[in-house]
Amino acid sequence: MRETILNKATELFLDLGFKSVTMDDIATEMGISKKTIYTHFKNKSVLVKASTEILFLRICSGIDGVRKENQNPIVELYSIKQYVMKHMKNQNSSAQFQLQKYYPAVYAEMRSKQYDYMQDCVVENLNKGLEMGLYRENLDVEFASRIYFLGMVGIKDNDMFPADQFPMITLMEKYLEYHLRGIVTQKGLKKLTETIENYTPNDL
């Protein structure tokens, strides 16, 4: 039952936001009593923390799967983005905003974990691209990897990029292309162009 509650809560949190969804909402959605939820999670903060942790592990597992396919590094980044968008329900910006505002400790811990994980992924991707001649040989890998992380976090700022004006799927698409155009060689640019052309708008 604990896993079932956690899965449903995570789904609702992603759809509506961590603050917007109440314990009553979860109980009603599942057709159970709040008492049953509290048997497994002593309060909502504990449930929110568990939800973000399981979501993080699922996303990391999926990304690891993509990385094991050993694709071209440019294609790999698009495949990772496609996977994340699919499993994060297009990353509802209100969910992250509410997590940051109402559960700052959970948000800070999760952001630290995301940074550590993404740093490994991006550094590996950059080094592979350098070896293949797809990324500029004078590229500062450490700088580029950190800028990439900051950008990925920054585009989720709802004040800077209102969701009604900048849908998350469009932001992710534009930011990834922006990142790659700044680091590719002519050979890499050709591959980037091919990759973009081979994906449909929904894929991107």
N, C-alpha and C. Protein backbone atom coordinates (compact mmCIF):
# COMPACT_ATOMS: atom_id res chain seq x y z
N MET A 1 0.83 -1.21 0.00
CA MET A 1 0.00 0.00 0.00
C MET A 1 0.87 1.26 0.00
N ARG A 2 1.99 1.21 0.73
CA ARG A 2 2.87 2.39 0.79
C ARG A 2 3.31 2.80 -0.61
N GLU A 3 3.72 1.84 -1.42
CA GLU A 3 4.20 2.14 -2.77
C GLU A 3 3.07 2.68 -3.64
N THR A 4 1.88 2.14 -3.46
CA THR A 4 0.72 2.60 -4.23
C THR A 4 0.40 4.05 -3.89
N ILE A 5 0.43 4.37 -2.60
CA ILE A 5 0.18 5.75 -2.17
C ILE A 5 1.24 6.67 -2.73
N LEU A 6 2.47 6.25 -2.65
CA LEU A 6 3.59 7.07 -3.12
C LEU A 6 3.49 7.33 -4.62
N ASN A 7 3.13 6.31 -5.38
CA ASN A 7 3.01 6.48 -6.83
C ASN A 7 1.89 7.45 -7.19
N LYS A 8 0.76 7.31 -6.52
CA LYS A 8 -0.37 8.20 -6.81
C LYS A 8 -0.07 9.63 -6.37
N ALA A 9 0.54 9.79 -5.21
CA ALA A 9 0.89 11.12 -4.72
C ALA A 9 1.87 11.80 -5.68
N THR A 10 2.85 11.05 -6.15
CA THR A 10 3.84 11.61 -7.07
C THR A 10 3.18 12.07 -8.36
N GLU A 11 2.27 11.27 -8.85
CA GLU A 11 1.53 11.63 -10.07
C GLU A 11 0.75 12.93 -9.87
N LEU A 12 0.07 13.04 -8.74
CA LEU A 12 -0.73 14.24 -8.47
C LEU A 12 0.16 15.46 -8.25
N PHE A 13 1.27 15.27 -7.55
CA PHE A 13 2.20 16.38 -7.30
C PHE A 13 2.73 16.94 -8.62
N LEU A 14 3.08 16.06 -9.55
CA LEU A 14 3.60 16.50 -10.84
C LEU A 14 2.54 17.23 -11.65
N ASP A 15 1.30 16.74 -11.56
CA ASP A 15 0.20 17.35 -12.33
C ASP A 15 -0.22 18.70 -11.77
N LEU A 16 -0.32 18.80 -10.44
CA LEU A 16 -0.95 19.96 -9.81
C LEU A 16 -0.03 20.79 -8.92
N GLY A 17 1.06 20.23 -8.48
CA GLY A 17 1.97 20.97 -7.60
C GLY A 17 2.00 20.37 -6.20
N PHE A 18 3.12 20.53 -5.53
CA PHE A 18 3.31 19.93 -4.22
C PHE A 18 2.47 20.60 -3.13
N LYS A 19 2.20 21.87 -3.28
CA LYS A 19 1.37 22.59 -2.29
C LYS A 19 -0.11 22.40 -2.58
N SER A 20 -0.45 22.39 -3.87
CA SER A 20 -1.87 22.34 -4.27
C SER A 20 -2.54 21.04 -3.86
N VAL A 21 -1.82 19.95 -3.92
CA VAL A 21 -2.39 18.64 -3.60
C VAL A 21 -2.37 18.41 -2.09
N THR A 22 -3.53 18.12 -1.53
CA THR A 22 -3.64 17.87 -0.10
C THR A 22 -3.71 16.37 0.18
N MET A 23 -3.57 16.02 1.43
CA MET A 23 -3.71 14.62 1.82
C MET A 23 -5.14 14.14 1.54
N ASP A 24 -6.11 15.04 1.69
CA ASP A 24 -7.50 14.70 1.38
C ASP A 24 -7.64 14.37 -0.10
N ASP A 25 -6.97 15.16 -0.95
CA ASP A 25 -7.03 14.92 -2.40
C ASP A 25 -6.51 13.52 -2.74
N ILE A 26 -5.40 13.17 -2.13
CA ILE A 26 -4.79 11.87 -2.40
C ILE A 26 -5.72 10.75 -1.92
N ALA A 27 -6.27 10.91 -0.72
CA ALA A 27 -7.17 9.90 -0.17
C ALA A 27 -8.41 9.73 -1.05
N THR A 28 -8.98 10.86 -1.48
CA THR A 28 -10.17 10.82 -2.33
C THR A 28 -9.86 10.16 -3.66
N GLU A 29 -8.74 10.53 -4.25
CA GLU A 29 -8.34 9.98 -5.54
C GLU A 29 -8.15 8.46 -5.47
N MET A 30 -7.67 7.99 -4.32
CA MET A 30 -7.40 6.56 -4.16
C MET A 30 -8.57 5.78 -3.56
N GLY A 31 -9.55 6.51 -3.04
CA GLY A 31 -10.68 5.84 -2.41
C GLY A 31 -10.32 5.19 -1.09
N ILE A 32 -9.41 5.85 -0.36
CA ILE A 32 -9.00 5.35 0.95
C ILE A 32 -9.14 6.47 1.98
N SER A 33 -8.91 6.17 3.22
CA SER A 33 -9.00 7.19 4.27
C SER A 33 -7.64 7.87 4.46
N LYS A 34 -7.67 9.09 4.99
CA LYS A 34 -6.41 9.76 5.30
C LYS A 34 -5.62 8.98 6.35
N LYS A 35 -6.35 8.30 7.22
CA LYS A 35 -5.70 7.53 8.27
C LYS A 35 -4.77 6.48 7.66
N THR A 36 -5.20 5.90 6.55
CA THR A 36 -4.38 4.89 5.88
C THR A 36 -3.09 5.51 5.37
N ILE A 37 -3.19 6.73 4.83
CA ILE A 37 -1.99 7.42 4.33
C ILE A 37 -1.04 7.71 5.49
N TYR A 38 -1.62 8.21 6.59
CA TYR A 38 -0.78 8.58 7.75
C TYR A 38 -0.14 7.36 8.42
N THR A 39 -0.68 6.19 8.15
CA THR A 39 -0.07 4.97 8.67
C THR A 39 1.30 4.75 8.04
N HIS A 40 1.43 5.19 6.79
CA HIS A 40 2.68 4.98 6.05
C HIS A 40 3.56 6.24 5.98
N PHE A 41 2.93 7.41 6.09
CA PHE A 41 3.65 8.69 6.03
C PHE A 41 3.11 9.59 7.13
N LYS A 42 3.93 9.89 8.11
CA LYS A 42 3.42 10.57 9.31
C LYS A 42 2.91 11.98 9.05
N ASN A 43 3.37 12.62 7.97
CA ASN A 43 2.83 13.92 7.60
C ASN A 43 3.12 14.17 6.11
N LYS A 44 2.61 15.27 5.59
CA LYS A 44 2.75 15.54 4.16
C LYS A 44 4.21 15.81 3.78
N SER A 45 4.96 16.44 4.66
CA SER A 45 6.36 16.73 4.35
C SER A 45 7.15 15.45 4.10
N VAL A 46 6.87 14.44 4.90
CA VAL A 46 7.53 13.14 4.72
C VAL A 46 7.14 12.53 3.38
N LEU A 47 5.88 12.67 3.02
CA LEU A 47 5.39 12.15 1.74
C LEU A 47 6.02 12.89 0.57
N VAL A 48 6.12 14.21 0.68
CA VAL A 48 6.75 15.01 -0.38
C VAL A 48 8.20 14.60 -0.57
N LYS A 49 8.92 14.44 0.53
CA LYS A 49 10.33 14.04 0.45
C LYS A 49 10.47 12.68 -0.21
N ALA A 50 9.63 11.74 0.18
CA ALA A 50 9.68 10.39 -0.40
C ALA A 50 9.34 10.44 -1.88
N SER A 51 8.40 11.30 -2.23
CA SER A 51 7.99 11.44 -3.63
C SER A 51 9.13 11.97 -4.50
N THR A 52 9.81 13.00 -4.02
CA THR A 52 10.91 13.56 -4.81
C THR A 52 12.07 12.57 -4.92
N GLU A 53 12.27 11.79 -3.88
CA GLU A 53 13.37 10.81 -3.91
C GLU A 53 13.10 9.70 -4.91
N ILE A 54 11.87 9.19 -4.92
CA ILE A 54 11.57 8.09 -5.84
C ILE A 54 11.56 8.60 -7.28
N LEU A 55 11.11 9.82 -7.46
CA LEU A 55 11.10 10.41 -8.80
C LEU A 55 12.53 10.60 -9.30
N PHE A 56 13.40 11.08 -8.42
CA PHE A 56 14.81 11.27 -8.78
C PHE A 56 15.45 9.94 -9.18
N LEU A 57 15.21 8.90 -8.42
CA LEU A 57 15.80 7.60 -8.71
C LEU A 57 15.28 7.03 -10.03
N ARG A 58 14.00 7.23 -10.29
CA ARG A 58 13.43 6.73 -11.55
C ARG A 58 14.04 7.44 -12.75
N ILE A 59 14.17 8.75 -12.64
CA ILE A 59 14.73 9.53 -13.74
C ILE A 59 16.19 9.15 -13.96
N CYS A 60 16.94 9.03 -12.89
CA CYS A 60 18.35 8.64 -13.00
C CYS A 60 18.50 7.27 -13.65
N SER A 61 17.64 6.34 -13.25
CA SER A 61 17.68 5.00 -13.81
C SER A 61 17.42 5.02 -15.31
N GLY A 62 16.44 5.82 -15.71
CA GLY A 62 16.11 5.93 -17.13
C GLY A 62 17.24 6.57 -17.93
N ILE A 63 17.84 7.61 -17.37
CA ILE A 63 18.95 8.29 -18.04
C ILE A 63 20.14 7.35 -18.15
N ASP A 64 20.39 6.58 -17.10
CA ASP A 64 21.49 5.60 -17.14
C ASP A 64 21.27 4.62 -18.28
N GLY A 65 20.01 4.24 -18.49
CA GLY A 65 19.68 3.33 -19.58
C GLY A 65 20.01 3.93 -20.93
N VAL A 66 19.69 5.22 -21.09
CA VAL A 66 20.01 5.92 -22.34
C VAL A 66 21.52 5.99 -22.54
N ARG A 67 22.24 6.30 -21.48
CA ARG A 67 23.70 6.43 -21.57
C ARG A 67 24.36 5.11 -21.95
N LYS A 68 23.81 4.00 -21.50
CA LYS A 68 24.37 2.69 -21.81
C LYS A 68 24.22 2.33 -23.28
N GLU A 69 23.33 3.02 -23.98
CA GLU A 69 23.15 2.76 -25.42
C GLU A 69 24.34 3.27 -26.22
N ASN A 70 25.18 4.08 -25.58
CA ASN A 70 26.40 4.58 -26.20
C ASN A 70 26.13 5.25 -27.55
N GLN A 71 25.16 6.15 -27.56
CA GLN A 71 24.80 6.87 -28.78
C GLN A 71 25.80 8.01 -29.03
N ASN A 72 25.71 8.56 -30.22
CA ASN A 72 26.43 9.79 -30.50
C ASN A 72 26.08 10.80 -29.41
N PRO A 73 27.04 11.55 -28.84
CA PRO A 73 26.75 12.43 -27.70
C PRO A 73 25.66 13.48 -27.96
N ILE A 74 25.55 13.95 -29.19
CA ILE A 74 24.50 14.92 -29.50
C ILE A 74 23.14 14.24 -29.48
N VAL A 75 23.06 13.08 -30.11
CA VAL A 75 21.82 12.30 -30.10
C VAL A 75 21.46 11.89 -28.67
N GLU A 76 22.48 11.55 -27.90
CA GLU A 76 22.26 11.14 -26.51
C GLU A 76 21.55 12.23 -25.70
N LEU A 77 21.98 13.48 -25.86
CA LEU A 77 21.35 14.58 -25.12
C LEU A 77 19.88 14.73 -25.50
N TYR A 78 19.57 14.55 -26.77
CA TYR A 78 18.17 14.65 -27.20
C TYR A 78 17.37 13.45 -26.69
N SER A 79 17.98 12.29 -26.65
CA SER A 79 17.29 11.11 -26.14
C SER A 79 17.00 11.26 -24.64
N ILE A 80 17.96 11.82 -23.91
CA ILE A 80 17.76 12.05 -22.48
C ILE A 80 16.65 13.06 -22.25
N LYS A 81 16.67 14.14 -23.01
CA LYS A 81 15.63 15.16 -22.87
C LYS A 81 14.25 14.56 -23.16
N GLN A 82 14.19 13.76 -24.21
CA GLN A 82 12.92 13.13 -24.57
C GLN A 82 12.41 12.23 -23.45
N TYR A 83 13.32 11.46 -22.85
CA TYR A 83 12.93 10.58 -21.75
C TYR A 83 12.43 11.38 -20.55
N VAL A 84 13.19 12.40 -20.17
CA VAL A 84 12.83 13.20 -19.00
C VAL A 84 11.48 13.88 -19.19
N MET A 85 11.25 14.47 -20.36
CA MET A 85 9.99 15.16 -20.60
C MET A 85 8.81 14.20 -20.54
N LYS A 86 9.01 13.01 -21.06
CA LYS A 86 7.93 12.02 -21.05
C LYS A 86 7.58 11.59 -19.63
N HIS A 87 8.59 11.37 -18.82
CA HIS A 87 8.35 10.83 -17.48
C HIS A 87 8.16 11.90 -16.41
N MET A 88 8.37 13.15 -16.77
CA MET A 88 8.11 14.24 -15.82
C MET A 88 6.86 15.01 -16.22
N LYS A 89 6.07 14.44 -17.14
CA LYS A 89 4.84 15.08 -17.58
C LYS A 89 5.08 16.51 -18.04
N ASN A 90 6.14 16.67 -18.86
CA ASN A 90 6.55 17.98 -19.36
C ASN A 90 6.98 18.94 -18.26
N GLN A 91 7.32 18.39 -17.10
CA GLN A 91 7.89 19.16 -16.00
C GLN A 91 7.06 20.40 -15.66
N ASN A 92 5.86 20.19 -15.21
CA ASN A 92 4.99 21.26 -14.77
C ASN A 92 5.77 22.24 -13.89
N SER A 93 5.93 23.48 -14.37
CA SER A 93 6.76 24.45 -13.64
C SER A 93 6.19 24.79 -12.27
N SER A 94 4.86 24.70 -12.12
CA SER A 94 4.26 25.02 -10.82
C SER A 94 4.68 24.01 -9.76
N ALA A 95 4.94 22.77 -10.18
CA ALA A 95 5.37 21.75 -9.23
C ALA A 95 6.72 22.13 -8.63
N GLN A 96 7.66 22.52 -9.48
CA GLN A 96 8.98 22.90 -8.97
C GLN A 96 8.88 24.18 -8.15
N PHE A 97 8.09 25.15 -8.60
CA PHE A 97 7.95 26.41 -7.88
C PHE A 97 7.40 26.16 -6.47
N GLN A 98 6.39 25.32 -6.37
CA GLN A 98 5.78 25.03 -5.07
C GLN A 98 6.73 24.24 -4.18
N LEU A 99 7.48 23.34 -4.77
CA LEU A 99 8.46 22.59 -3.98
C LEU A 99 9.51 23.53 -3.41
N GLN A 100 9.98 24.44 -4.22
CA GLN A 100 11.01 25.38 -3.78
C GLN A 100 10.49 26.33 -2.71
N LYS A 101 9.25 26.80 -2.87
CA LYS A 101 8.70 27.79 -1.94
C LYS A 101 8.22 27.19 -0.62
N TYR A 102 7.55 26.06 -0.70
CA TYR A 102 6.90 25.52 0.49
C TYR A 102 7.68 24.38 1.17
N TYR A 103 8.62 23.80 0.42
CA TYR A 103 9.44 22.72 1.00
C TYR A 103 10.90 22.99 0.64
N PRO A 104 11.44 24.12 1.11
CA PRO A 104 12.79 24.54 0.70
C PRO A 104 13.90 23.55 1.05
N ALA A 105 13.78 22.88 2.19
CA ALA A 105 14.82 21.93 2.58
C ALA A 105 14.84 20.73 1.62
N VAL A 106 13.66 20.25 1.26
CA VAL A 106 13.56 19.13 0.32
C VAL A 106 14.09 19.57 -1.05
N TYR A 107 13.71 20.78 -1.45
CA TYR A 107 14.16 21.31 -2.74
C TYR A 107 15.69 21.42 -2.79
N ALA A 108 16.27 21.96 -1.71
CA ALA A 108 17.72 22.16 -1.67
C ALA A 108 18.46 20.82 -1.74
N GLU A 109 17.95 19.83 -1.01
CA GLU A 109 18.58 18.51 -1.03
C GLU A 109 18.48 17.88 -2.42
N MET A 110 17.31 18.04 -3.04
CA MET A 110 17.12 17.44 -4.36
C MET A 110 17.97 18.14 -5.41
N ARG A 111 18.08 19.46 -5.30
CA ARG A 111 18.90 20.19 -6.27
C ARG A 111 20.37 19.77 -6.15
N SER A 112 20.83 19.54 -4.94
CA SER A 112 22.21 19.09 -4.75
C SER A 112 22.43 17.72 -5.39
N LYS A 113 21.48 16.83 -5.21
CA LYS A 113 21.58 15.50 -5.82
C LYS A 113 21.54 15.60 -7.34
N GLN A 114 20.68 16.45 -7.85
CA GLN A 114 20.57 16.64 -9.29
C GLN A 114 21.88 17.17 -9.86
N TYR A 115 22.48 18.12 -9.15
CA TYR A 115 23.74 18.68 -9.63
C TYR A 115 24.82 17.61 -9.69
N ASP A 116 24.96 16.85 -8.63
CA ASP A 116 25.99 15.81 -8.60
C ASP A 116 25.80 14.80 -9.73
N TYR A 117 24.55 14.40 -9.93
CA TYR A 117 24.28 13.41 -10.98
C TYR A 117 24.48 14.01 -12.37
N MET A 118 23.92 15.19 -12.59
CA MET A 118 24.03 15.82 -13.90
C MET A 118 25.47 16.16 -14.25
N GLN A 119 26.24 16.53 -13.26
CA GLN A 119 27.64 16.87 -13.50
C GLN A 119 28.37 15.68 -14.12
N ASP A 120 28.16 14.52 -13.56
CA ASP A 120 28.79 13.31 -14.11
C ASP A 120 28.32 13.05 -15.54
N CYS A 121 27.02 13.17 -15.76
CA CYS A 121 26.45 12.90 -17.09
C CYS A 121 27.01 13.87 -18.13
N VAL A 122 26.97 15.16 -17.80
CA VAL A 122 27.35 16.18 -18.78
C VAL A 122 28.85 16.15 -19.05
N VAL A 123 29.64 15.98 -18.01
CA VAL A 123 31.10 15.91 -18.20
C VAL A 123 31.45 14.73 -19.11
N GLU A 124 30.82 13.60 -18.86
CA GLU A 124 31.07 12.42 -19.70
C GLU A 124 30.67 12.70 -21.14
N ASN A 125 29.50 13.34 -21.32
CA ASN A 125 29.02 13.67 -22.66
C ASN A 125 29.97 14.64 -23.37
N LEU A 126 30.43 15.65 -22.64
CA LEU A 126 31.34 16.64 -23.24
C LEU A 126 32.66 15.99 -23.65
N ASN A 127 33.20 15.16 -22.80
CA ASN A 127 34.47 14.50 -23.12
C ASN A 127 34.33 13.57 -24.32
N LYS A 128 33.19 12.89 -24.40
CA LYS A 128 32.96 12.00 -25.54
C LYS A 128 32.85 12.81 -26.83
N GLY A 129 32.16 13.94 -26.74
CA GLY A 129 32.03 14.80 -27.91
C GLY A 129 33.35 15.38 -28.36
N LEU A 130 34.22 15.68 -27.41
CA LEU A 130 35.56 16.19 -27.73
C LEU A 130 36.38 15.11 -28.45
N GLU A 131 36.32 13.90 -27.94
CA GLU A 131 37.07 12.79 -28.54
C GLU A 131 36.61 12.52 -29.98
N MET A 132 35.34 12.75 -30.24
CA MET A 132 34.79 12.46 -31.57
C MET A 132 34.89 13.66 -32.51
N GLY A 133 35.41 14.77 -31.99
CA GLY A 133 35.54 15.95 -32.83
C GLY A 133 34.23 16.69 -33.07
N LEU A 134 33.24 16.42 -32.23
CA LEU A 134 31.93 17.07 -32.38
C LEU A 134 31.85 18.37 -31.58
N TYR A 135 32.65 18.48 -30.52
CA TYR A 135 32.68 19.67 -29.69
C TYR A 135 34.05 20.35 -29.85
N ARG A 136 34.07 21.66 -29.68
CA ARG A 136 35.29 22.46 -29.88
C ARG A 136 36.42 21.97 -28.96
N GLU A 137 37.61 21.85 -29.50
CA GLU A 137 38.73 21.31 -28.73
C GLU A 137 39.20 22.25 -27.62
N ASN A 138 38.87 23.53 -27.73
CA ASN A 138 39.26 24.48 -26.67
C ASN A 138 38.16 24.63 -25.62
N LEU A 139 37.19 23.74 -25.63
CA LEU A 139 36.07 23.80 -24.70
C LEU A 139 36.53 23.56 -23.27
N ASP A 140 36.10 24.41 -22.36
CA ASP A 140 36.36 24.23 -20.93
C ASP A 140 35.23 23.35 -20.38
N VAL A 141 35.53 22.09 -20.19
CA VAL A 141 34.51 21.11 -19.81
C VAL A 141 33.85 21.45 -18.48
N GLU A 142 34.65 21.82 -17.50
CA GLU A 142 34.10 22.11 -16.17
C GLU A 142 33.16 23.32 -16.22
N PHE A 143 33.57 24.35 -16.94
CA PHE A 143 32.73 25.54 -17.08
C PHE A 143 31.44 25.21 -17.83
N ALA A 144 31.56 24.53 -18.95
CA ALA A 144 30.39 24.22 -19.78
C ALA A 144 29.39 23.35 -19.04
N SER A 145 29.88 22.40 -18.25
CA SER A 145 28.97 21.51 -17.52
C SER A 145 28.19 22.27 -16.45
N ARG A 146 28.84 23.21 -15.79
CA ARG A 146 28.17 23.98 -14.74
C ARG A 146 27.17 24.98 -15.32
N ILE A 147 27.55 25.60 -16.44
CA ILE A 147 26.64 26.52 -17.11
C ILE A 147 25.40 25.78 -17.61
N TYR A 148 25.62 24.57 -18.09
CA TYR A 148 24.50 23.76 -18.57
C TYR A 148 23.51 23.48 -17.43
N PHE A 149 24.03 23.12 -16.27
CA PHE A 149 23.16 22.84 -15.12
C PHE A 149 22.39 24.10 -14.71
N LEU A 150 23.09 25.23 -14.61
CA LEU A 150 22.42 26.48 -14.23
C LEU A 150 21.32 26.85 -15.21
N GLY A 151 21.58 26.62 -16.48
CA GLY A 151 20.57 26.92 -17.49
C GLY A 151 19.36 26.02 -17.37
N MET A 152 19.59 24.74 -17.11
CA MET A 152 18.48 23.81 -16.96
C MET A 152 17.61 24.16 -15.75
N VAL A 153 18.25 24.63 -14.70
CA VAL A 153 17.50 25.08 -13.52
C VAL A 153 16.81 26.40 -13.80
N GLY A 154 17.52 27.31 -14.47
CA GLY A 154 17.00 28.65 -14.72
C GLY A 154 15.77 28.70 -15.59
N ILE A 155 15.69 27.83 -16.60
CA ILE A 155 14.53 27.90 -17.49
C ILE A 155 13.25 27.42 -16.80
N LYS A 156 13.39 26.84 -15.60
CA LYS A 156 12.20 26.41 -14.86
C LYS A 156 11.69 27.49 -13.92
N ASP A 157 12.31 28.67 -13.98
CA ASP A 157 11.87 29.81 -13.17
C ASP A 157 10.62 30.40 -13.81
N ASN A 158 9.49 30.21 -13.14
CA ASN A 158 8.21 30.62 -13.73
C ASN A 158 8.07 32.13 -13.84
N ASP A 159 8.79 32.89 -13.00
CA ASP A 159 8.75 34.35 -13.11
C ASP A 159 9.48 34.81 -14.37
N MET A 160 10.58 34.16 -14.67
CA MET A 160 11.37 34.53 -15.83
C MET A 160 10.77 33.98 -17.13
N PHE A 161 10.23 32.76 -17.03
CA PHE A 161 9.64 32.11 -18.21
C PHE A 161 8.23 31.62 -17.86
N PRO A 162 7.24 32.53 -17.91
CA PRO A 162 5.85 32.15 -17.58
C PRO A 162 5.39 30.99 -18.44
N ALA A 163 4.75 30.01 -17.80
CA ALA A 163 4.35 28.79 -18.50
C ALA A 163 3.41 29.05 -19.67
N ASP A 164 2.55 30.08 -19.54
CA ASP A 164 1.60 30.34 -20.62
C ASP A 164 2.29 30.94 -21.85
N GLN A 165 3.47 31.47 -21.66
CA GLN A 165 4.23 32.06 -22.77
C GLN A 165 5.36 31.14 -23.24
N PHE A 166 5.89 30.35 -22.31
CA PHE A 166 7.01 29.47 -22.62
C PHE A 166 6.71 28.05 -22.12
N PRO A 167 6.00 27.24 -22.89
CA PRO A 167 5.74 25.84 -22.47
C PRO A 167 7.06 25.13 -22.21
N MET A 168 7.09 24.29 -21.19
CA MET A 168 8.35 23.66 -20.80
C MET A 168 8.97 22.84 -21.92
N ILE A 169 8.16 22.15 -22.69
CA ILE A 169 8.71 21.33 -23.76
C ILE A 169 9.44 22.20 -24.80
N THR A 170 8.91 23.41 -25.03
CA THR A 170 9.55 24.34 -25.97
C THR A 170 10.84 24.89 -25.37
N LEU A 171 10.80 25.22 -24.09
CA LEU A 171 11.99 25.75 -23.42
C LEU A 171 13.13 24.73 -23.44
N MET A 172 12.81 23.50 -23.14
CA MET A 172 13.84 22.45 -23.13
C MET A 172 14.45 22.29 -24.51
N GLU A 173 13.59 22.30 -25.51
CA GLU A 173 14.04 22.16 -26.89
C GLU A 173 14.97 23.29 -27.28
N LYS A 174 14.55 24.52 -26.98
CA LYS A 174 15.35 25.69 -27.36
C LYS A 174 16.66 25.75 -26.57
N TYR A 175 16.61 25.40 -25.29
CA TYR A 175 17.81 25.50 -24.48
C TYR A 175 18.86 24.47 -24.90
N LEU A 176 18.41 23.26 -25.21
CA LEU A 176 19.35 22.23 -25.63
C LEU A 176 20.05 22.63 -26.94
N GLU A 177 19.27 23.16 -27.87
CA GLU A 177 19.88 23.60 -29.13
C GLU A 177 20.84 24.77 -28.88
N TYR A 178 20.45 25.68 -28.00
CA TYR A 178 21.29 26.83 -27.64
C TYR A 178 22.63 26.35 -27.06
N HIS A 179 22.55 25.39 -26.14
CA HIS A 179 23.75 24.83 -25.51
C HIS A 179 24.67 24.20 -26.55
N LEU A 180 24.10 23.38 -27.41
CA LEU A 180 24.92 22.65 -28.38
C LEU A 180 25.52 23.57 -29.44
N ARG A 181 24.77 24.54 -29.91
CA ARG A 181 25.31 25.44 -30.92
C ARG A 181 26.51 26.23 -30.40
N GLY A 182 26.59 26.39 -29.11
CA GLY A 182 27.70 27.13 -28.53
C GLY A 182 28.98 26.32 -28.38
N ILE A 183 28.88 24.98 -28.54
CA ILE A 183 30.05 24.15 -28.28
C ILE A 183 30.45 23.25 -29.45
N VAL A 184 29.61 23.15 -30.48
CA VAL A 184 29.90 22.20 -31.55
C VAL A 184 30.92 22.73 -32.56
N THR A 185 31.59 21.80 -33.22
CA THR A 185 32.45 22.10 -34.36
C THR A 185 31.57 22.07 -35.61
N GLN A 186 32.16 22.28 -36.76
CA GLN A 186 31.39 22.17 -38.00
C GLN A 186 30.84 20.75 -38.17
N LYS A 187 31.67 19.78 -37.80
CA LYS A 187 31.21 18.38 -37.85
C LYS A 187 30.04 18.17 -36.89
N GLY A 188 30.16 18.76 -35.72
CA GLY A 188 29.09 18.65 -34.73
C GLY A 188 27.83 19.35 -35.16
N LEU A 189 27.99 20.50 -35.83
CA LEU A 189 26.83 21.26 -36.30
C LEU A 189 26.05 20.45 -37.33
N LYS A 190 26.77 19.74 -38.18
CA LYS A 190 26.10 18.90 -39.18
C LYS A 190 25.28 17.81 -38.48
N LYS A 191 25.87 17.20 -37.44
CA LYS A 191 25.15 16.17 -36.70
C LYS A 191 23.97 16.74 -35.94
N LEU A 192 24.14 17.92 -35.38
CA LEU A 192 23.06 18.58 -34.66
C LEU A 192 21.88 18.85 -35.59
N THR A 193 22.18 19.37 -36.78
CA THR A 193 21.14 19.67 -37.76
C THR A 193 20.40 18.39 -38.15
N GLU A 194 21.14 17.32 -38.37
CA GLU A 194 20.53 16.04 -38.72
C GLU A 194 19.63 15.54 -37.60
N THR A 195 20.12 15.68 -36.37
CA THR A 195 19.36 15.20 -35.21
C THR A 195 18.05 15.95 -35.07
N ILE A 196 18.10 17.27 -35.21
CA ILE A 196 16.88 18.07 -35.09
C ILE A 196 15.89 17.71 -36.19
N GLU A 197 16.41 17.50 -37.39
CA GLU A 197 15.54 17.16 -38.53
C GLU A 197 14.92 15.78 -38.38
N ASN A 198 15.59 14.88 -37.68
CA ASN A 198 15.10 13.51 -37.53
C ASN A 198 14.09 13.32 -36.41
N TYR A 199 13.95 14.35 -35.57
CA TYR A 199 12.97 14.29 -34.49
C TYR A 199 11.75 15.08 -34.90
N THR A 200 10.57 14.57 -34.54
CA THR A 200 9.35 15.33 -34.76
C THR A 200 9.22 16.32 -33.63
N PRO A 201 8.37 17.38 -33.74
CA PRO A 201 8.19 18.34 -32.64
C PRO A 201 7.81 17.68 -31.33
N ASN A 202 6.98 16.64 -31.37
CA ASN A 202 6.57 15.97 -30.14
C ASN A 202 7.72 15.22 -29.50
N ASP A 203 8.63 14.69 -30.34
CA ASP A 203 9.80 14.00 -29.81
C ASP A 203 10.71 14.96 -29.08
N LEU A 204 10.87 16.18 -29.67
CA LEU A 204 11.76 17.14 -29.07
C LEU A 204 11.15 17.72 -27.83
